Amino acid sequence: MNTKTLAKSIPSKNGVNFQLVEFEPQVYCVVKFKNGVEAESSKHSGDLKKVNAAFAKAIGKAAIEFNHAEMIIEENTVVRHKFFKMGTGSAYRLVGIWSVPDRSMLIHNNALFHKMVSARPKSCQFHCAHCGTSILNHYIIRDDNGEDFAVGSSCIEKLGQTRLISEAKAAKLEIDREKRRVEREKKNKERQEKREAELNSQRERNGGMTDYELKQKEKQERKEDFFDFSRDVAKPILKILKKQNGGFVESIASNYKQGDVPRGGAKPIIIDIVNKDLAGGARKGSKAYNSFTEEAIKLVNDVETAINTEREKLYNH
């Protein structure tokens, strides 16, 4: 992996050479050399303050501030932060915000993550241009000369400009809202994918149907079986009703076929129709009629009991 020299080799007060390099983005090393050969190095990931302190300690200087754009340190030279003038009162305006993509994207979509990082604004270098602290949300501000700087939210307030602070806070709220929206969509998508995977598993298990569809199919089949049973058990009464005319008997016959028995005042009428048919059409109250009354009542009641019992099995299945 290529390294970037951030400070030329500098001898310490003991005569041992030290060099500051960027090992990879946001991973910095203080390298110690003896007789021109690397002896050891101290890595600091994503924390320029720590590597600054380590390098300063190694070469025996009390304070060094790095220019994050170039980071070249000459012997016996203290380099001051080129953007430290930002706190001296220049007028700035917020021109944009760029946020580091969620690192989880490296697993799910590595190419997109690197594409988003490479497309970041030039001023966004993963650290605050004002203090050097690593940042995720880069507030891009522009000075009077049209130069852009990316700073963190805390350094926005240090600049002491009320309008800029208000704009930054409003932008942060919008970022948070967008993050929540993206997270909701992500969770909804995950739930949908999980649900679809479960349904596909059910279809594979049930011959192309989900558990719900299979349950509905079985329920309909039981219902059809119940209708068949009702028509079969009510067949003696249906034969008698078929001889009659009128909407009433047609309605009762249709109900029997659907497993619905006559109730209330309809039941005595059906018993009377059955009674007369069994008695060969004898007049109600006649001796012949009365001789079949018990049989007519029993027939209607037995059909009712059988249908109701079967209905209980259907709905308690």
Protein backbone atom coordinates (compact mmCIF):
# COMPACT_ATOMS: atom_id res chain seq x y z
CA MET A 1 0.00 0.00 0.00
CA ASN A 2 1.34 3.46 -0.89
CA THR A 3 2.13 5.83 1.93
CA LYS A 4 2.11 9.61 1.85
CA THR A 5 4.92 11.50 3.55
CA LEU A 6 3.43 14.18 5.74
CA ALA A 7 6.69 15.35 7.35
CA LYS A 8 10.24 14.96 6.14
CA SER A 9 12.66 12.91 8.19
CA ILE A 10 13.57 15.04 11.20
CA PRO A 11 16.27 14.24 13.75
CA SER A 12 15.23 14.31 17.35
CA LYS A 13 17.26 15.90 20.11
CA ASN A 14 18.92 12.47 20.54
CA GLY A 15 19.89 12.32 16.87
CA VAL A 16 17.36 9.57 15.94
CA ASN A 17 15.36 10.32 12.80
CA PHE A 18 11.57 10.36 12.81
CA GLN A 19 9.15 10.66 9.92
CA LEU A 20 5.40 11.31 9.81
CA VAL A 21 3.43 9.45 7.11
CA GLU A 22 -0.16 8.73 6.18
CA PHE A 23 -0.30 4.94 5.98
CA GLU A 24 -3.83 4.93 4.52
CA PRO A 25 -6.74 7.39 4.70
CA GLN A 26 -7.08 8.48 8.34
CA VAL A 27 -4.37 6.06 9.56
CA TYR A 28 -1.23 7.98 10.48
CA CYS A 29 2.19 6.69 11.55
CA VAL A 30 5.12 8.13 13.42
CA VAL A 31 8.06 6.11 12.01
CA LYS A 32 11.33 5.81 13.92
CA PHE A 33 14.57 5.18 11.96
CA LYS A 34 17.96 3.99 13.19
CA ASN A 35 20.89 4.10 10.76
CA GLY A 36 18.46 4.68 7.92
CA VAL A 37 16.36 1.57 8.71
CA GLU A 38 12.85 1.65 10.11
CA ALA A 39 12.96 0.58 13.73
CA GLU A 40 9.33 0.93 14.77
CA SER A 41 6.20 2.93 14.08
CA SER A 42 3.23 4.11 16.09
CA LYS A 43 -0.11 4.04 14.25
CA HIS A 44 -3.08 6.21 15.13
CA SER A 45 -6.32 5.58 13.28
CA GLY A 46 -8.48 8.59 12.52
CA ASP A 47 -7.06 10.84 15.25
CA LEU A 48 -4.69 13.49 13.99
CA LYS A 49 -4.38 15.04 17.44
CA LYS A 50 -2.80 11.88 18.83
CA VAL A 51 -0.36 11.47 15.96
CA ASN A 52 0.49 15.17 16.23
CA ALA A 53 1.32 14.71 19.91
CA ALA A 54 3.33 11.56 19.24
CA PHE A 55 5.37 13.21 16.52
CA ALA A 56 5.95 16.33 18.61
CA LYS A 57 7.08 14.19 21.52
CA ALA A 58 9.41 12.14 19.29
CA ILE A 59 11.28 15.13 17.86
CA GLY A 60 11.29 16.97 21.17
CA LYS A 61 9.17 19.98 20.24
CA ALA A 62 6.40 21.22 22.44
CA ALA A 63 3.72 22.21 19.89
CA ILE A 64 3.21 21.51 16.21
CA GLU A 65 0.09 22.28 14.23
CA PHE A 66 -0.32 20.66 10.86
CA ASN A 67 -1.56 22.10 7.62
CA HIS A 68 -3.96 19.25 6.68
CA ALA A 69 -3.72 20.01 2.99
CA GLU A 70 0.04 19.54 2.67
CA MET A 71 1.49 18.53 6.05
CA ILE A 72 5.15 19.16 5.30
CA ILE A 73 7.31 19.88 8.33
CA GLU A 74 10.82 21.20 7.94
CA GLU A 75 13.49 20.83 10.56
CA ASN A 76 13.18 23.34 13.40
CA THR A 77 9.94 24.71 11.89
CA VAL A 78 6.57 25.06 13.58
CA VAL A 79 3.82 24.94 10.94
CA ARG A 80 0.60 26.64 11.96
CA HIS A 81 -2.84 25.56 10.78
CA LYS A 82 -3.43 27.42 7.55
CA PHE A 83 -7.17 27.73 8.29
CA PHE A 84 -6.84 28.87 11.88
CA LYS A 85 -7.65 32.39 10.65
CA MET A 86 -11.26 31.20 10.40
CA GLY A 87 -11.83 32.33 13.96
CA THR A 88 -10.75 35.91 13.38
CA GLY A 89 -14.06 37.31 12.18
CA SER A 90 -14.38 36.65 8.45
CA ALA A 91 -17.97 36.33 7.24
CA TYR A 92 -18.91 32.81 6.20
CA ARG A 93 -22.02 31.29 4.69
CA LEU A 94 -23.17 27.68 4.64
CA VAL A 95 -23.10 26.37 1.07
CA GLY A 96 -23.63 22.65 1.62
CA ILE A 97 -23.28 19.55 3.76
CA TRP A 98 -21.64 16.24 2.96
CA SER A 99 -21.81 13.22 5.26
CA VAL A 100 -19.62 10.15 5.24
CA PRO A 101 -21.71 7.17 4.02
CA ASP A 102 -22.67 4.58 6.61
CA ARG A 103 -19.80 2.11 6.89
CA SER A 104 -22.29 -0.78 6.88
CA MET A 105 -22.55 -0.02 3.16
CA LEU A 106 -19.05 -1.50 2.78
CA ILE A 107 -20.63 -4.90 3.38
CA HIS A 108 -23.82 -4.44 1.37
CA ASN A 109 -22.58 -2.26 -1.47
CA ASN A 110 -18.83 -1.70 -1.39
CA ALA A 111 -18.70 -0.12 -4.85
CA LEU A 112 -21.38 2.44 -4.03
CA PHE A 113 -19.63 3.37 -0.76
CA HIS A 114 -16.34 4.15 -2.53
CA LYS A 115 -18.17 5.95 -5.33
CA MET A 116 -19.91 8.22 -2.82
CA VAL A 117 -16.64 8.87 -0.98
CA SER A 118 -14.74 9.67 -4.17
CA ALA A 119 -17.51 12.05 -5.28
CA ARG A 120 -17.29 14.12 -2.10
CA PRO A 121 -16.64 17.88 -2.39
CA LYS A 122 -12.96 18.80 -2.57
CA SER A 123 -13.08 20.59 0.77
CA CYS A 124 -14.30 17.45 2.61
CA GLN A 125 -11.26 15.57 3.88
CA PHE A 126 -12.80 13.64 6.82
CA HIS A 127 -11.51 16.13 9.37
CA CYS A 128 -12.50 19.60 10.50
CA ALA A 129 -10.59 22.33 8.68
CA HIS A 130 -10.70 24.43 11.83
CA CYS A 131 -9.53 22.03 14.56
CA GLY A 132 -8.42 18.85 12.80
CA THR A 133 -10.87 16.55 14.59
CA SER A 134 -12.27 13.64 12.55
CA ILE A 135 -15.85 14.33 11.47
CA LEU A 136 -18.69 12.50 9.75
CA ASN A 137 -20.90 15.49 8.92
CA HIS A 138 -18.99 18.11 6.93
CA TYR A 139 -20.49 21.61 7.04
CA ILE A 140 -19.12 23.35 3.95
CA ILE A 141 -18.71 27.08 4.54
CA ARG A 142 -17.45 29.71 2.10
CA ASP A 143 -15.50 32.82 3.03
CA ASP A 144 -15.53 36.25 1.41
CA ASN A 145 -12.85 35.13 -1.05
CA GLY A 146 -14.98 32.24 -2.32
CA GLU A 147 -12.83 29.61 -0.62
CA ASP A 148 -14.60 26.60 0.88
CA PHE A 149 -13.82 24.86 4.17
CA ALA A 150 -15.38 21.77 5.71
CA VAL A 151 -15.85 22.02 9.46
CA GLY A 152 -17.65 20.13 12.19
CA SER A 153 -20.78 21.29 13.99
CA SER A 154 -18.96 22.37 17.15
CA CYS A 155 -16.52 24.59 15.23
CA ILE A 156 -19.43 26.28 13.48
CA GLU A 157 -20.40 27.72 16.86
CA LYS A 158 -16.83 28.78 17.60
CA LEU A 159 -16.96 31.14 14.63
CA GLY A 160 -19.53 33.19 16.53
CA GLN A 161 -21.79 34.04 13.58
CA THR A 162 -25.47 33.79 14.58
CA ARG A 163 -26.89 33.31 11.09
CA LEU A 164 -24.35 30.62 10.26
CA ILE A 165 -25.07 28.78 13.52
CA SER A 166 -28.84 28.86 12.83
CA GLU A 167 -28.36 27.58 9.28
CA ALA A 168 -26.10 24.78 10.52
CA LYS A 169 -28.60 23.70 13.19
CA ALA A 170 -31.43 23.69 10.65
CA ALA A 171 -29.29 21.67 8.25
CA LYS A 172 -28.44 19.19 11.02
CA LEU A 173 -32.15 18.70 11.74
CA GLU A 174 -32.73 18.01 8.06
CA ILE A 175 -29.86 15.50 8.03
CA ASP A 176 -31.32 13.72 11.05
CA ARG A 177 -34.78 13.63 9.44
CA GLU A 178 -33.31 12.20 6.26
CA LYS A 179 -31.38 9.58 8.23
CA ARG A 180 -34.56 8.54 10.03
CA ARG A 181 -36.43 8.36 6.73
CA VAL A 182 -33.69 6.22 5.16
CA GLU A 183 -33.64 3.99 8.25
CA ARG A 184 -37.42 3.57 8.11
CA GLU A 185 -37.26 2.65 4.43
CA LYS A 186 -34.43 0.23 5.16
CA LYS A 187 -36.39 -1.47 7.94
CA ASN A 188 -39.55 -1.58 5.82
CA LYS A 189 -37.59 -3.13 2.96
CA GLU A 190 -36.02 -5.68 5.31
CA ARG A 191 -39.45 -6.57 6.72
CA GLN A 192 -40.88 -6.87 3.20
CA GLU A 193 -37.99 -9.04 2.04
CA LYS A 194 -38.34 -11.23 5.13
CA ARG A 195 -42.09 -11.52 4.56
CA GLU A 196 -41.62 -12.35 0.88
CA ALA A 197 -38.99 -14.98 1.74
CA GLU A 198 -41.42 -16.54 4.22
CA LEU A 199 -44.25 -16.54 1.66
CA ASN A 200 -41.97 -18.13 -0.95
CA SER A 201 -41.04 -20.79 1.59
CA GLN A 202 -44.74 -21.43 2.24
CA ARG A 203 -45.48 -21.64 -1.49
CA GLU A 204 -42.68 -24.15 -1.94
CA ARG A 205 -44.01 -26.18 0.96
CA ASN A 206 -47.69 -25.95 -0.06
CA GLY A 207 -47.49 -26.52 -3.79
CA GLY A 208 -47.62 -22.88 -4.84
CA MET A 209 -49.89 -21.51 -2.12
CA THR A 210 -49.17 -19.51 1.01
CA ASP A 211 -50.31 -20.85 4.38
CA TYR A 212 -53.20 -18.37 4.33
CA GLU A 213 -54.24 -19.35 0.81
CA LEU A 214 -54.03 -23.02 1.72
CA LYS A 215 -56.10 -22.41 4.85
CA GLN A 216 -58.74 -20.55 2.84
CA LYS A 217 -58.81 -23.33 0.25
CA GLU A 218 -59.25 -25.98 2.92
CA LYS A 219 -61.94 -23.88 4.58
CA GLN A 220 -63.81 -23.54 1.30
CA GLU A 221 -63.52 -27.26 0.66
CA ARG A 222 -64.97 -28.00 4.13
CA LYS A 223 -67.77 -25.55 3.40
CA GLU A 224 -68.55 -27.26 0.12
CA ASP A 225 -68.53 -30.62 1.91
CA PHE A 226 -70.97 -29.18 4.43
CA PHE A 227 -73.30 -28.00 1.65
CA ASP A 228 -73.14 -31.46 0.07
CA PHE A 229 -73.98 -33.02 3.44
CA SER A 230 -76.90 -30.61 3.97
CA ARG A 231 -78.36 -31.35 0.55
CA ASP A 232 -78.01 -35.07 1.13
CA VAL A 233 -79.50 -35.18 4.64
CA ALA A 234 -82.38 -32.83 3.66
CA LYS A 235 -83.17 -34.75 0.49
CA PRO A 236 -86.52 -36.20 1.81
CA ILE A 237 -87.77 -32.70 2.68
CA LEU A 238 -86.40 -31.18 -0.56
CA LYS A 239 -88.37 -33.75 -2.59
CA ILE A 240 -91.56 -32.69 -0.83
CA LEU A 241 -90.84 -28.96 -1.25
CA LYS A 242 -90.13 -29.46 -4.94
CA LYS A 243 -93.80 -30.42 -5.41
CA GLN A 244 -94.89 -27.05 -4.02
CA ASN A 245 -95.12 -23.71 -5.79
CA GLY A 246 -94.20 -20.24 -4.57
CA GLY A 247 -91.27 -18.20 -3.48
CA PHE A 248 -91.50 -19.23 0.15
CA VAL A 249 -90.83 -22.94 -0.41
CA GLU A 250 -88.13 -22.11 -2.99
CA SER A 251 -86.40 -19.95 -0.41
CA ILE A 252 -86.62 -22.66 2.27
CA ALA A 253 -85.28 -25.27 -0.18
CA SER A 254 -82.35 -23.01 -1.09
CA ASN A 255 -81.60 -22.48 2.60
CA TYR A 256 -81.56 -26.22 3.27
CA LYS A 257 -79.02 -26.68 0.47
CA GLN A 258 -76.80 -24.03 2.14
CA GLY A 259 -77.08 -25.67 5.57
CA ASP A 260 -79.63 -23.20 6.93
CA VAL A 261 -82.71 -24.77 8.57
CA PRO A 262 -86.11 -23.02 8.97
CA ARG A 263 -86.61 -21.12 12.23
CA GLY A 264 -89.39 -19.24 14.02
CA GLY A 265 -92.75 -19.30 12.27
CA ALA A 266 -91.26 -20.92 9.14
CA LYS A 267 -90.60 -24.24 10.88
CA PRO A 268 -94.28 -25.10 11.71
CA ILE A 269 -95.21 -24.29 8.10
CA ILE A 270 -92.58 -26.73 6.78
CA ILE A 271 -93.74 -29.40 9.25
CA ASP A 272 -97.33 -28.88 8.00
CA ILE A 273 -96.22 -29.20 4.34
CA VAL A 274 -94.31 -32.40 5.13
CA ASN A 275 -97.24 -33.72 7.24
CA LYS A 276 -99.76 -33.20 4.42
CA ASP A 277 -97.44 -34.86 1.87
CA LEU A 278 -96.91 -37.91 4.10
CA ALA A 279 -100.70 -38.13 4.63
CA GLY A 280 -101.31 -38.13 0.89
CA GLY A 281 -102.67 -34.60 0.86
CA ALA A 282 -105.16 -35.16 3.71
CA ARG A 283 -106.78 -32.11 5.24
CA LYS A 284 -105.08 -30.65 8.32
CA GLY A 285 -106.75 -32.00 11.50
CA SER A 286 -108.11 -35.08 9.78
CA LYS A 287 -107.47 -38.55 11.14
CA ALA A 288 -105.09 -39.36 8.25
CA TYR A 289 -103.20 -36.09 8.75
CA ASN A 290 -102.88 -36.60 12.48
CA SER A 291 -101.52 -40.11 12.03
CA PHE A 292 -98.40 -38.70 10.31
CA THR A 293 -97.83 -35.67 12.52
CA GLU A 294 -95.22 -37.28 14.78
CA GLU A 295 -93.35 -38.63 11.73
CA ALA A 296 -93.36 -35.20 10.06
CA ILE A 297 -92.08 -33.48 13.22
CA LYS A 298 -89.38 -36.12 13.68
CA LEU A 299 -88.22 -35.82 10.07
CA VAL A 300 -87.88 -32.00 10.22
CA ASN A 301 -86.19 -32.15 13.66
CA ASP A 302 -83.79 -34.94 12.68
CA VAL A 303 -82.67 -33.01 9.56
CA GLU A 304 -82.23 -29.85 11.67
CA THR A 305 -80.15 -31.70 14.30
CA ALA A 306 -77.92 -33.38 11.70
CA ILE A 307 -77.26 -30.09 9.86
CA ASN A 308 -76.58 -28.13 13.05
CA THR A 309 -74.20 -30.81 14.33
CA GLU A 310 -72.26 -30.78 11.07
CA ARG A 311 -72.12 -26.96 11.11
CA GLU A 312 -70.54 -27.07 14.58
CA LYS A 313 -67.82 -29.37 13.23
CA LEU A 314 -67.20 -26.98 10.35
CA TYR A 315 -66.77 -23.81 12.43
CA ASN A 316 -64.94 -25.48 15.30
CA HIS A 317 -62.39 -27.13 13.01
